[in-house]
């Protein structure tokens, strides 16, 4: 995948930067002058790329587990207890039923 087109459109006190890839998919970034007073159409693409880079580096989730390793450890212990004894072999039983026509 490669970015094949980038456009900048003025919008309500800022700009929308649209990146389009070679398959026709696109992603847009909205930038506001109120947040960046020195924002111009000339530097909007660079600002949009920087914002996307930050977004890609951000954690994928904001779950309590990521913030509290002790909670993750507790959940792991509970899961292990729920599956105990996992090392016991599976018992296999077979049944034999005589075929009604042959009796075997």
PDB file of N, CA and C in Angstrom:
ATOM      1  N   UNK A   1       0.839  -1.161   0.000  1.00  0.00           N
ATOM      2  CA  UNK A   1       0.000   0.000   0.000  1.00  0.00           C
ATOM      3  C   UNK A   1       0.891   1.233   0.000  1.00  0.00           C
ATOM      4  N   UNK A   2       0.511   2.194  -0.812  1.00  0.00           N
ATOM      5  CA  UNK A   2       1.265   3.432  -0.893  1.00  0.00           C
ATOM      6  C   UNK A   2       0.303   4.602  -1.015  1.00  0.00           C
ATOM      7  N   UNK A   3       0.653   5.726  -0.410  1.00  0.00           N
ATOM      8  CA  UNK A   3      -0.153   6.933  -0.533  1.00  0.00           C
ATOM      9  C   UNK A   3       0.068   7.490  -1.934  1.00  0.00           C
ATOM     10  N   UNK A   4      -1.026   7.664  -2.661  1.00  0.00           N
ATOM     11  CA  UNK A   4      -0.926   8.134  -4.044  1.00  0.00           C
ATOM     12  C   UNK A   4      -1.432   9.556  -4.224  1.00  0.00           C
ATOM     13  N   UNK A   5      -2.193  10.058  -3.263  1.00  0.00           N
ATOM     14  CA  UNK A   5      -2.733  11.406  -3.397  1.00  0.00           C
ATOM     15  C   UNK A   5      -2.919  12.018  -2.022  1.00  0.00           C
ATOM     16  N   UNK A   6      -2.618  13.292  -1.912  1.00  0.00           N
ATOM     17  CA  UNK A   6      -2.819  14.040  -0.675  1.00  0.00           C
ATOM     18  C   UNK A   6      -3.447  15.376  -1.052  1.00  0.00           C
ATOM     19  N   UNK A   7      -4.570  15.693  -0.406  1.00  0.00           N
ATOM     20  CA  UNK A   7      -5.221  16.976  -0.681  1.00  0.00           C
ATOM     21  C   UNK A   7      -5.481  17.704   0.626  1.00  0.00           C
ATOM     22  N   UNK A   8      -5.497  19.048   0.532  1.00  0.00           N
ATOM     23  CA  UNK A   8      -5.762  19.904   1.684  1.00  0.00           C
ATOM     24  C   UNK A   8      -6.981  20.750   1.351  1.00  0.00           C
ATOM     25  N   UNK A   9      -7.979  20.706   2.221  1.00  0.00           N
ATOM     26  CA  UNK A   9      -9.210  21.470   2.019  1.00  0.00           C
ATOM     27  C   UNK A   9      -9.429  22.394   3.209  1.00  0.00           C
ATOM     28  N   UNK A  10      -9.729  23.676   2.968  1.00  0.00           N
ATOM     29  CA  UNK A  10     -10.060  24.570   4.075  1.00  0.00           C
ATOM     30  C   UNK A  10     -11.365  24.120   4.723  1.00  0.00           C
ATOM     31  N   UNK A  11     -11.451  24.257   6.047  1.00  0.00           N
ATOM     32  CA  UNK A  11     -12.675  23.862   6.742  1.00  0.00           C
ATOM     33  C   UNK A  11     -12.796  24.586   8.076  1.00  0.00           C
ATOM     34  N   UNK A  12     -13.868  25.268   8.288  1.00  0.00           N
ATOM     35  CA  UNK A  12     -14.250  25.866   9.568  1.00  0.00           C
ATOM     36  C   UNK A  12     -13.089  26.178  10.501  1.00  0.00           C
ATOM     37  N   UNK A  13     -12.282  27.139  10.164  1.00  0.00           N
ATOM     38  CA  UNK A  13     -11.191  27.547  11.038  1.00  0.00           C
ATOM     39  C   UNK A  13     -10.011  26.599  11.049  1.00  0.00           C
ATOM     40  N   UNK A  14      -9.833  25.865   9.976  1.00  0.00           N
ATOM     41  CA  UNK A  14      -8.708  24.940   9.889  1.00  0.00           C
ATOM     42  C   UNK A  14      -8.642  24.279   8.530  1.00  0.00           C
ATOM     43  N   UNK A  15      -8.137  23.065   8.521  1.00  0.00           N
ATOM     44  CA  UNK A  15      -7.965  22.339   7.265  1.00  0.00           C
ATOM     45  C   UNK A  15      -8.251  20.856   7.479  1.00  0.00           C
ATOM     46  N   UNK A  16      -8.682  20.204   6.412  1.00  0.00           N
ATOM     47  CA  UNK A  16      -8.818  18.760   6.387  1.00  0.00           C
ATOM     48  C   UNK A  16      -7.786  18.260   5.382  1.00  0.00           C
ATOM     49  N   UNK A  17      -6.932  17.363   5.828  1.00  0.00           N
ATOM     50  CA  UNK A  17      -5.924  16.754   4.959  1.00  0.00           C
ATOM     51  C   UNK A  17      -6.386  15.331   4.685  1.00  0.00           C
ATOM     52  N   UNK A  18      -6.491  14.980   3.401  1.00  0.00           N
ATOM     53  CA  UNK A  18      -6.950  13.650   3.016  1.00  0.00           C
ATOM     54  C   UNK A  18      -5.811  12.923   2.317  1.00  0.00           C
ATOM     55  N   UNK A  19      -5.493  11.741   2.847  1.00  0.00           N
ATOM     56  CA  UNK A  19      -4.489  10.870   2.246  1.00  0.00           C
ATOM     57  C   UNK A  19      -5.226   9.713   1.572  1.00  0.00           C
ATOM     58  N   UNK A  20      -4.910   9.431   0.300  1.00  0.00           N
ATOM     59  CA  UNK A  20      -5.557   8.352  -0.448  1.00  0.00           C
ATOM     60  C   UNK A  20      -4.485   7.352  -0.858  1.00  0.00           C
ATOM     61  N   UNK A  21      -4.777   6.043  -0.674  1.00  0.00           N
ATOM     62  CA  UNK A  21      -3.795   5.029  -1.070  1.00  0.00           C
ATOM     63  C   UNK A  21      -4.101   4.481  -2.455  1.00  0.00           C
ATOM     64  N   UNK A  22      -3.260   3.572  -2.913  1.00  0.00           N
ATOM     65  CA  UNK A  22      -3.377   3.040  -4.269  1.00  0.00           C
ATOM     66  C   UNK A  22      -4.589   2.137  -4.469  1.00  0.00           C
ATOM     67  N   UNK A  23      -5.297   1.785  -3.393  1.00  0.00           N
ATOM     68  CA  UNK A  23      -6.515   0.985  -3.532  1.00  0.00           C
ATOM     69  C   UNK A  23      -7.766   1.851  -3.466  1.00  0.00           C
ATOM     70  N   UNK A  24      -7.594   3.135  -3.248  1.00  0.00           N
ATOM     71  CA  UNK A  24      -8.730   4.043  -3.166  1.00  0.00           C
ATOM     72  C   UNK A  24      -9.206   4.305  -1.749  1.00  0.00           C
ATOM     73  N   UNK A  25      -8.628   3.629  -0.763  1.00  0.00           N
ATOM     74  CA  UNK A  25      -8.967   3.900   0.630  1.00  0.00           C
ATOM     75  C   UNK A  25      -8.374   5.241   1.032  1.00  0.00           C
ATOM     76  N   UNK A  26      -9.013   5.889   1.997  1.00  0.00           N
ATOM     77  CA  UNK A  26      -8.501   7.188   2.423  1.00  0.00           C
ATOM     78  C   UNK A  26      -8.632   7.356   3.927  1.00  0.00           C
ATOM     79  N   UNK A  27      -7.846   8.280   4.428  1.00  0.00           N
ATOM     80  CA  UNK A  27      -7.923   8.676   5.827  1.00  0.00           C
ATOM     81  C   UNK A  27      -7.795  10.189   5.846  1.00  0.00           C
ATOM     82  N   UNK A  28      -8.581  10.822   6.717  1.00  0.00           N
ATOM     83  CA  UNK A  28      -8.523  12.276   6.775  1.00  0.00           C
ATOM     84  C   UNK A  28      -8.153  12.727   8.182  1.00  0.00           C
ATOM     85  N   UNK A  29      -7.492  13.863   8.227  1.00  0.00           N
ATOM     86  CA  UNK A  29      -7.083  14.457   9.491  1.00  0.00           C
ATOM     87  C   UNK A  29      -7.591  15.892   9.492  1.00  0.00           C
ATOM     88  N   UNK A  30      -8.327  16.248  10.538  1.00  0.00           N
ATOM     89  CA  UNK A  30      -8.844  17.605  10.660  1.00  0.00           C
ATOM     90  C   UNK A  30      -7.967  18.366  11.644  1.00  0.00           C
ATOM     91  N   UNK A  31      -7.482  19.516  11.196  1.00  0.00           N
ATOM     92  CA  UNK A  31      -6.611  20.356  12.013  1.00  0.00           C
ATOM     93  C   UNK A  31      -7.288  21.717  12.189  1.00  0.00           C
ATOM     94  N   UNK A  32      -7.224  22.273  13.397  1.00  0.00           N
ATOM     95  CA  UNK A  32      -7.868  23.547  13.675  1.00  0.00           C
ATOM     96  C   UNK A  32      -6.834  24.600  14.033  1.00  0.00           C
ATOM     97  N   UNK A  33      -7.046  25.822  13.495  1.00  0.00           N
ATOM     98  CA  UNK A  33      -6.140  26.932  13.797  1.00  0.00           C
ATOM     99  C   UNK A  33      -6.203  27.312  15.277  1.00  0.00           C
ATOM    100  N   UNK A  34      -7.321  27.063  15.915  1.00  0.00           N
ATOM    101  CA  UNK A  34      -7.433  27.387  17.341  1.00  0.00           C
ATOM    102  C   UNK A  34      -6.416  26.586  18.155  1.00  0.00           C
ATOM    103  N   UNK A  35      -6.138  25.363  17.721  1.00  0.00           N
ATOM    104  CA  UNK A  35      -5.156  24.528  18.415  1.00  0.00           C
ATOM    105  C   UNK A  35      -3.738  24.850  17.972  1.00  0.00           C
ATOM    106  N   UNK A  36      -3.586  25.311  16.755  1.00  0.00           N
ATOM    107  CA  UNK A  36      -2.272  25.669  16.194  1.00  0.00           C
ATOM    108  C   UNK A  36      -2.411  26.972  15.423  1.00  0.00           C
ATOM    109  N   UNK A  37      -2.226  28.103  16.074  1.00  0.00           N
ATOM    110  CA  UNK A  37      -2.426  29.398  15.410  1.00  0.00           C
ATOM    111  C   UNK A  37      -1.567  29.610  14.165  1.00  0.00           C
ATOM    112  N   UNK A  38      -0.407  28.950  14.099  1.00  0.00           N
ATOM    113  CA  UNK A  38       0.465  29.122  12.932  1.00  0.00           C
ATOM    114  C   UNK A  38       0.166  28.123  11.818  1.00  0.00           C
ATOM    115  N   UNK A  39      -0.959  27.433  11.886  1.00  0.00           N
ATOM    116  CA  UNK A  39      -1.352  26.461  10.876  1.00  0.00           C
ATOM    117  C   UNK A  39      -1.695  27.165   9.567  1.00  0.00           C
ATOM    118  N   UNK A  40      -1.119  26.659   8.473  1.00  0.00           N
ATOM    119  CA  UNK A  40      -1.415  27.176   7.138  1.00  0.00           C
ATOM    120  C   UNK A  40      -1.653  25.996   6.202  1.00  0.00           C
ATOM    121  N   UNK A  41      -2.145  26.271   5.008  1.00  0.00           N
ATOM    122  CA  UNK A  41      -2.334  25.198   4.037  1.00  0.00           C
ATOM    123  C   UNK A  41      -0.991  24.612   3.624  1.00  0.00           C
ATOM    124  N   UNK A  42       0.078  25.394   3.735  1.00  0.00           N
ATOM    125  CA  UNK A  42       1.411  24.908   3.366  1.00  0.00           C
ATOM    126  C   UNK A  42       1.985  23.920   4.385  1.00  0.00           C
ATOM    127  N   UNK A  43       1.689  24.100   5.665  1.00  0.00           N
ATOM    128  CA  UNK A  43       2.246  23.183   6.667  1.00  0.00           C
ATOM    129  C   UNK A  43       1.226  22.171   7.184  1.00  0.00           C
ATOM    130  N   UNK A  44       0.018  22.182   6.642  1.00  0.00           N
ATOM    131  CA  UNK A  44      -1.038  21.283   7.116  1.00  0.00           C
ATOM    132  C   UNK A  44      -0.691  19.816   6.878  1.00  0.00           C
ATOM    133  N   UNK A  45      -0.080  19.489   5.740  1.00  0.00           N
ATOM    134  CA  UNK A  45       0.259  18.087   5.452  1.00  0.00           C
ATOM    135  C   UNK A  45       1.278  17.573   6.460  1.00  0.00           C
ATOM    136  N   UNK A  46       2.292  18.368   6.742  1.00  0.00           N
ATOM    137  CA  UNK A  46       3.315  17.953   7.709  1.00  0.00           C
ATOM    138  C   UNK A  46       2.704  17.770   9.094  1.00  0.00           C
ATOM    139  N   UNK A  47       1.795  18.670   9.493  1.00  0.00           N
ATOM    140  CA  UNK A  47       1.134  18.546  10.793  1.00  0.00           C
ATOM    141  C   UNK A  47       0.252  17.297  10.837  1.00  0.00           C
ATOM    142  N   UNK A  48      -0.456  17.025   9.741  1.00  0.00           N
ATOM    143  CA  UNK A  48      -1.323  15.837   9.692  1.00  0.00           C
ATOM    144  C   UNK A  48      -0.492  14.561   9.797  1.00  0.00           C
ATOM    145  N   UNK A  49       0.645  14.509   9.103  1.00  0.00           N
ATOM    146  CA  UNK A  49       1.523  13.332   9.185  1.00  0.00           C
ATOM    147  C   UNK A  49       2.032  13.144  10.609  1.00  0.00           C
ATOM    148  N   UNK A  50       2.402  14.236  11.264  1.00  0.00           N
ATOM    149  CA  UNK A  50       2.897  14.150  12.641  1.00  0.00           C
ATOM    150  C   UNK A  50       1.803  13.638  13.575  1.00  0.00           C
ATOM    151  N   UNK A  51       0.572  14.109  13.379  1.00  0.00           N
ATOM    152  CA  UNK A  51      -0.534  13.657  14.216  1.00  0.00           C
ATOM    153  C   UNK A  51      -0.830  12.173  13.998  1.00  0.00           C
ATOM    154  N   UNK A  52      -0.778  11.723  12.749  1.00  0.00           N
ATOM    155  CA  UNK A  52      -0.973  10.303  12.463  1.00  0.00           C
ATOM    156  C   UNK A  52       0.128   9.452  13.096  1.00  0.00           C
ATOM    157  N   UNK A  53       1.354   9.932  13.058  1.00  0.00           N
ATOM    158  CA  UNK A  53       2.464   9.185  13.654  1.00  0.00           C
ATOM    159  C   UNK A  53       2.249   9.017  15.157  1.00  0.00           C
ATOM    160  N   UNK A  54       1.788  10.066  15.818  1.00  0.00           N
ATOM    161  CA  UNK A  54       1.506   9.984  17.256  1.00  0.00           C
ATOM    162  C   UNK A  54       0.381   8.992  17.507  1.00  0.00           C
ATOM    163  N   UNK A  55      -0.649   9.027  16.659  1.00  0.00           N
ATOM    164  CA  UNK A  55      -1.784   8.119  16.839  1.00  0.00           C
ATOM    165  C   UNK A  55      -1.352   6.670  16.658  1.00  0.00           C
ATOM    166  N   UNK A  56      -0.461   6.397  15.745  1.00  0.00           N
ATOM    167  CA  UNK A  56      -0.009   5.032  15.505  1.00  0.00           C
ATOM    168  C   UNK A  56       0.869   4.510  16.633  1.00  0.00           C
ATOM    169  N   UNK A  57       1.548   5.389  17.340  1.00  0.00           N
ATOM    170  CA  UNK A  57       2.409   4.982  18.442  1.00  0.00           C
ATOM    171  C   UNK A  57       1.637   4.830  19.750  1.00  0.00           C
ATOM    172  N   UNK A  58       0.420   5.338  19.804  1.00  0.00           N
ATOM    173  CA  UNK A  58      -0.385   5.287  21.030  1.00  0.00           C
ATOM    174  C   UNK A  58      -0.769   3.849  21.336  1.00  0.00           C
ATOM    175  N   UNK A  59      -0.985   3.534  22.614  1.00  0.00           N
ATOM    176  CA  UNK A  59      -1.433   2.184  22.969  1.00  0.00           C
ATOM    177  C   UNK A  59      -2.736   1.851  22.255  1.00  0.00           C
ATOM    178  N   UNK A  60      -2.881   0.596  21.896  1.00  0.00           N
ATOM    179  CA  UNK A  60      -4.070   0.157  21.162  1.00  0.00           C
ATOM    180  C   UNK A  60      -5.326   0.216  22.018  1.00  0.00           C
ATOM    181  N   UNK A  61      -5.186  -0.066  23.302  1.00  0.00           N
ATOM    182  CA  UNK A  61      -6.345  -0.013  24.190  1.00  0.00           C
ATOM    183  C   UNK A  61      -5.964   0.749  25.437  1.00  0.00           C
ATOM    184  N   UNK A  62      -6.956   1.114  26.158  1.00  0.00           N
ATOM    185  CA  UNK A  62      -6.740   1.831  27.407  1.00  0.00           C
ATOM    186  C   UNK A  62      -7.376   1.034  28.538  1.00  0.00           C
ATOM    187  N   UNK A  63      -7.110  -0.279  28.534  1.00  0.00           N
ATOM    188  CA  UNK A  63      -7.754  -1.157  29.501  1.00  0.00           C
ATOM    189  C   UNK A  63      -7.093  -1.050  30.871  1.00  0.00           C
ATOM    190  N   UNK A  64      -7.837  -1.388  31.921  1.00  0.00           N
ATOM    191  CA  UNK A  64      -7.268  -1.358  33.279  1.00  0.00           C
ATOM    192  C   UNK A  64      -6.072  -2.290  33.415  1.00  0.00           C
ATOM    193  N   UNK A  65      -6.051  -3.377  32.629  1.00  0.00           N
ATOM    194  CA  UNK A  65      -4.926  -4.318  32.707  1.00  0.00           C
ATOM    195  C   UNK A  65      -3.609  -3.658  32.343  1.00  0.00           C
ATOM    196  N   UNK A  66      -3.619  -2.818  31.327  1.00  0.00           N
ATOM    197  CA  UNK A  66      -2.379  -2.161  30.920  1.00  0.00           C
ATOM    198  C   UNK A  66      -1.882  -1.217  32.003  1.00  0.00           C
ATOM    199  N   UNK A  67      -2.801  -0.647  32.739  1.00  0.00           N
ATOM    200  CA  UNK A  67      -2.413   0.309  33.763  1.00  0.00           C
ATOM    201  C   UNK A  67      -2.032  -0.365  35.071  1.00  0.00           C
ATOM    202  N   UNK A  68      -2.521  -1.583  35.315  1.00  0.00           N
ATOM    203  CA  UNK A  68      -2.314  -2.234  36.594  1.00  0.00           C
ATOM    204  C   UNK A  68      -1.855  -3.680  36.392  1.00  0.00           C
ATOM    205  N   UNK A  69      -0.546  -3.917  36.398  1.00  0.00           N
ATOM    206  CA  UNK A  69      -0.037  -5.280  36.214  1.00  0.00           C
ATOM    207  C   UNK A  69      -0.533  -6.245  37.290  1.00  0.00           C
ATOM    208  N   UNK A  70      -0.825  -5.752  38.490  1.00  0.00           N
ATOM    209  CA  UNK A  70      -1.324  -6.617  39.562  1.00  0.00           C
ATOM    210  C   UNK A  70      -2.696  -7.180  39.195  1.00  0.00           C
ATOM    211  N   UNK A  71      -3.522  -6.380  38.530  1.00  0.00           N
ATOM    212  CA  UNK A  71      -4.836  -6.851  38.091  1.00  0.00           C
ATOM    213  C   UNK A  71      -4.683  -7.961  37.055  1.00  0.00           C
ATOM    214  N   UNK A  72      -3.745  -7.799  36.147  1.00  0.00           N
ATOM    215  CA  UNK A  72      -3.485  -8.835  35.146  1.00  0.00           C
ATOM    216  C   UNK A  72      -3.035 -10.133  35.817  1.00  0.00           C
ATOM    217  N   UNK A  73      -2.171 -10.025  36.801  1.00  0.00           N
ATOM    218  CA  UNK A  73      -1.695 -11.204  37.530  1.00  0.00           C
ATOM    219  C   UNK A  73      -2.849 -11.893  38.260  1.00  0.00           C
ATOM    220  N   UNK A  74      -3.723 -11.101  38.872  1.00  0.00           N
ATOM    221  CA  UNK A  74      -4.873 -11.661  39.581  1.00  0.00           C
ATOM    222  C   UNK A  74      -5.800 -12.399  38.612  1.00  0.00           C
ATOM    223  N   UNK A  75      -6.053 -11.814  37.442  1.00  0.00           N
ATOM    224  CA  UNK A  75      -6.917 -12.463  36.453  1.00  0.00           C
ATOM    225  C   UNK A  75      -6.284 -13.747  35.931  1.00  0.00           C
ATOM    226  N   UNK A  76      -4.973 -13.751  35.786  1.00  0.00           N
ATOM    227  CA  UNK A  76      -4.269 -14.950  35.350  1.00  0.00           C
ATOM    228  C   UNK A  76      -4.430 -16.067  36.380  1.00  0.00           C
ATOM    229  N   UNK A  77      -4.247 -15.739  37.655  1.00  0.00           N
ATOM    230  CA  UNK A  77      -4.397 -16.734  38.719  1.00  0.00           C
ATOM    231  C   UNK A  77      -5.816 -17.300  38.748  1.00  0.00           C
ATOM    232  N   UNK A  78      -6.808 -16.433  38.604  1.00  0.00           N
ATOM    233  CA  UNK A  78      -8.199 -16.897  38.593  1.00  0.00           C
ATOM    234  C   UNK A  78      -8.447 -17.844  37.423  1.00  0.00           C
ATOM    235  N   UNK A  79      -7.897 -17.504  36.268  1.00  0.00           N
ATOM    236  CA  UNK A  79      -8.058 -18.349  35.091  1.00  0.00           C
ATOM    237  C   UNK A  79      -7.405 -19.700  35.278  1.00  0.00           C
ATOM    238  N   UNK A  80      -6.241 -19.726  35.905  1.00  0.00           N
ATOM    239  CA  UNK A  80      -5.553 -20.992  36.156  1.00  0.00           C
ATOM    240  C   UNK A  80      -6.336 -21.847  37.152  1.00  0.00           C
ATOM    241  N   UNK A  81      -6.879 -21.211  38.170  1.00  0.00           N
ATOM    242  CA  UNK A  81      -7.671 -21.953  39.153  1.00  0.00           C
ATOM    243  C   UNK A  81      -8.924 -22.541  38.516  1.00  0.00           C
ATOM    244  N   UNK A  82      -9.544 -21.797  37.601  1.00  0.00           N
ATOM    245  CA  UNK A  82     -10.766 -22.270  36.943  1.00  0.00           C
ATOM    246  C   UNK A  82     -10.511 -23.460  36.033  1.00  0.00           C
ATOM    247  N   UNK A  83      -9.290 -23.610  35.557  1.00  0.00           N
ATOM    248  CA  UNK A  83      -8.988 -24.708  34.636  1.00  0.00           C
ATOM    249  C   UNK A  83      -8.255 -25.856  35.313  1.00  0.00           C
ATOM    250  N   UNK A  84      -8.037 -25.785  36.634  1.00  0.00           N
ATOM    251  CA  UNK A  84      -7.338 -26.837  37.363  1.00  0.00           C
ATOM    252  C   UNK A  84      -8.250 -28.043  37.511  1.00  0.00           C
ATOM    253  N   UNK A  85      -7.816 -29.231  37.411  1.00  0.00           N
ATOM    254  CA  UNK A  85      -6.487 -29.704  37.044  1.00  0.00           C
ATOM    255  C   UNK A  85      -6.402 -29.960  35.538  1.00  0.00           C
ATOM    256  N   UNK A  86      -5.740 -29.118  34.849  1.00  0.00           N
ATOM    257  CA  UNK A  86      -5.628 -29.226  33.393  1.00  0.00           C
ATOM    258  C   UNK A  86      -4.735 -30.382  32.973  1.00  0.00           C
ATOM    259  N   UNK A  87      -3.917 -30.904  33.896  1.00  0.00           N
ATOM    260  CA  UNK A  87      -2.978 -31.965  33.531  1.00  0.00           C
ATOM    261  C   UNK A  87      -3.601 -33.359  33.582  1.00  0.00           C
ATOM    262  N   UNK A  88      -4.823 -33.488  34.106  1.00  0.00           N
ATOM    263  CA  UNK A  88      -5.458 -34.806  34.154  1.00  0.00           C
ATOM    264  C   UNK A  88      -5.768 -35.281  32.735  1.00  0.00           C
ATOM    265  N   UNK A  89      -5.505 -36.552  32.483  1.00  0.00           N
ATOM    266  CA  UNK A  89      -5.780 -37.058  31.136  1.00  0.00           C
ATOM    267  C   UNK A  89      -7.278 -37.130  30.871  1.00  0.00           C
ATOM    268  N   UNK A  90      -7.606 -37.009  29.627  1.00  0.00           N
ATOM    269  CA  UNK A  90      -8.997 -37.122  29.221  1.00  0.00           C
ATOM    270  C   UNK A  90      -9.374 -38.587  29.260  1.00  0.00           C
ATOM    271  N   UNK A  91     -10.514 -38.888  29.850  1.00  0.00           N
ATOM    272  CA  UNK A  91     -10.936 -40.284  29.870  1.00  0.00           C
ATOM    273  C   UNK A  91     -11.805 -40.533  28.642  1.00  0.00           C
ATOM    274  N   UNK A  92     -11.462 -41.604  27.952  1.00  0.00           N
ATOM    275  CA  UNK A  92     -12.188 -41.945  26.746  1.00  0.00           C
ATOM    276  C   UNK A  92     -12.986 -43.194  27.027  1.00  0.00           C
ATOM    277  N   UNK A  93     -14.250 -43.144  26.754  1.00  0.00           N
ATOM    278  CA  UNK A  93     -15.086 -44.323  26.939  1.00  0.00           C
ATOM    279  C   UNK A  93     -15.714 -44.671  25.604  1.00  0.00           C
ATOM    280  N   UNK A  94     -15.899 -45.918  25.420  1.00  0.00           N
ATOM    281  CA  UNK A  94     -16.521 -46.362  24.187  1.00  0.00           C
ATOM    282  C   UNK A  94     -17.745 -47.185  24.506  1.00  0.00           C
ATOM    283  N   UNK A  95     -18.689 -47.154  23.638  1.00  0.00           N
ATOM    284  CA  UNK A  95     -19.875 -47.974  23.815  1.00  0.00           C
ATOM    285  C   UNK A  95     -20.005 -48.888  22.619  1.00  0.00           C
ATOM    286  N   UNK A  96     -20.550 -50.032  22.879  1.00  0.00           N
ATOM    287  CA  UNK A  96     -20.789 -50.935  21.763  1.00  0.00           C
ATOM    288  C   UNK A  96     -22.271 -51.251  21.733  1.00  0.00           C
ATOM    289  N   UNK A  97     -22.835 -51.043  20.593  1.00  0.00           N
ATOM    290  CA  UNK A  97     -24.253 -51.304  20.406  1.00  0.00           C
ATOM    291  C   UNK A  97     -24.363 -52.261  19.237  1.00  0.00           C
ATOM    292  N   UNK A  98     -25.097 -53.328  19.429  1.00  0.00           N
ATOM    293  CA  UNK A  98     -25.243 -54.317  18.361  1.00  0.00           C
ATOM    294  C   UNK A  98     -26.039 -53.733  17.220  1.00  0.00           C
ATOM    295  N   UNK A  99     -25.585 -54.006  16.009  1.00  0.00           N
ATOM    296  CA  UNK A  99     -26.302 -53.561  14.823  1.00  0.00           C
ATOM    297  C   UNK A  99     -27.637 -54.313  14.793  1.00  0.00           C
ATOM    298  N   UNK A 100     -28.763 -53.630  14.562  1.00  0.00           N
ATOM    299  CA  UNK A 100     -30.054 -54.302  14.656  1.00  0.00           C
ATOM    300  C   UNK A 100     -30.250 -55.448  13.677  1.00  0.00           C
ATOM    301  N   UNK A 101     -29.635 -55.407  12.505  1.00  0.00           N
ATOM    302  CA  UNK A 101     -29.857 -56.465  11.518  1.00  0.00           C
ATOM    303  C   UNK A 101     -28.907 -57.634  11.693  1.00  0.00           C
ATOM    304  N   UNK A 102     -27.650 -57.335  12.073  1.00  0.00           N
ATOM    305  CA  UNK A 102     -26.668 -58.410  12.165  1.00  0.00           C
ATOM    306  C   UNK A 102     -26.498 -58.914  13.572  1.00  0.00           C
ATOM    307  N   UNK A 103     -26.806 -58.103  14.560  1.00  0.00           N
ATOM    308  CA  UNK A 103     -26.646 -58.502  15.942  1.00  0.00           C
ATOM    309  C   UNK A 103     -25.193 -58.403  16.410  1.00  0.00           C
ATOM    310  N   UNK A 104     -24.305 -57.883  15.585  1.00  0.00           N
ATOM    311  CA  UNK A 104     -22.890 -57.730  15.970  1.00  0.00           C
ATOM    312  C   UNK A 104     -22.570 -56.337  16.402  1.00  0.00           C
TER     313      UNK A 104
END
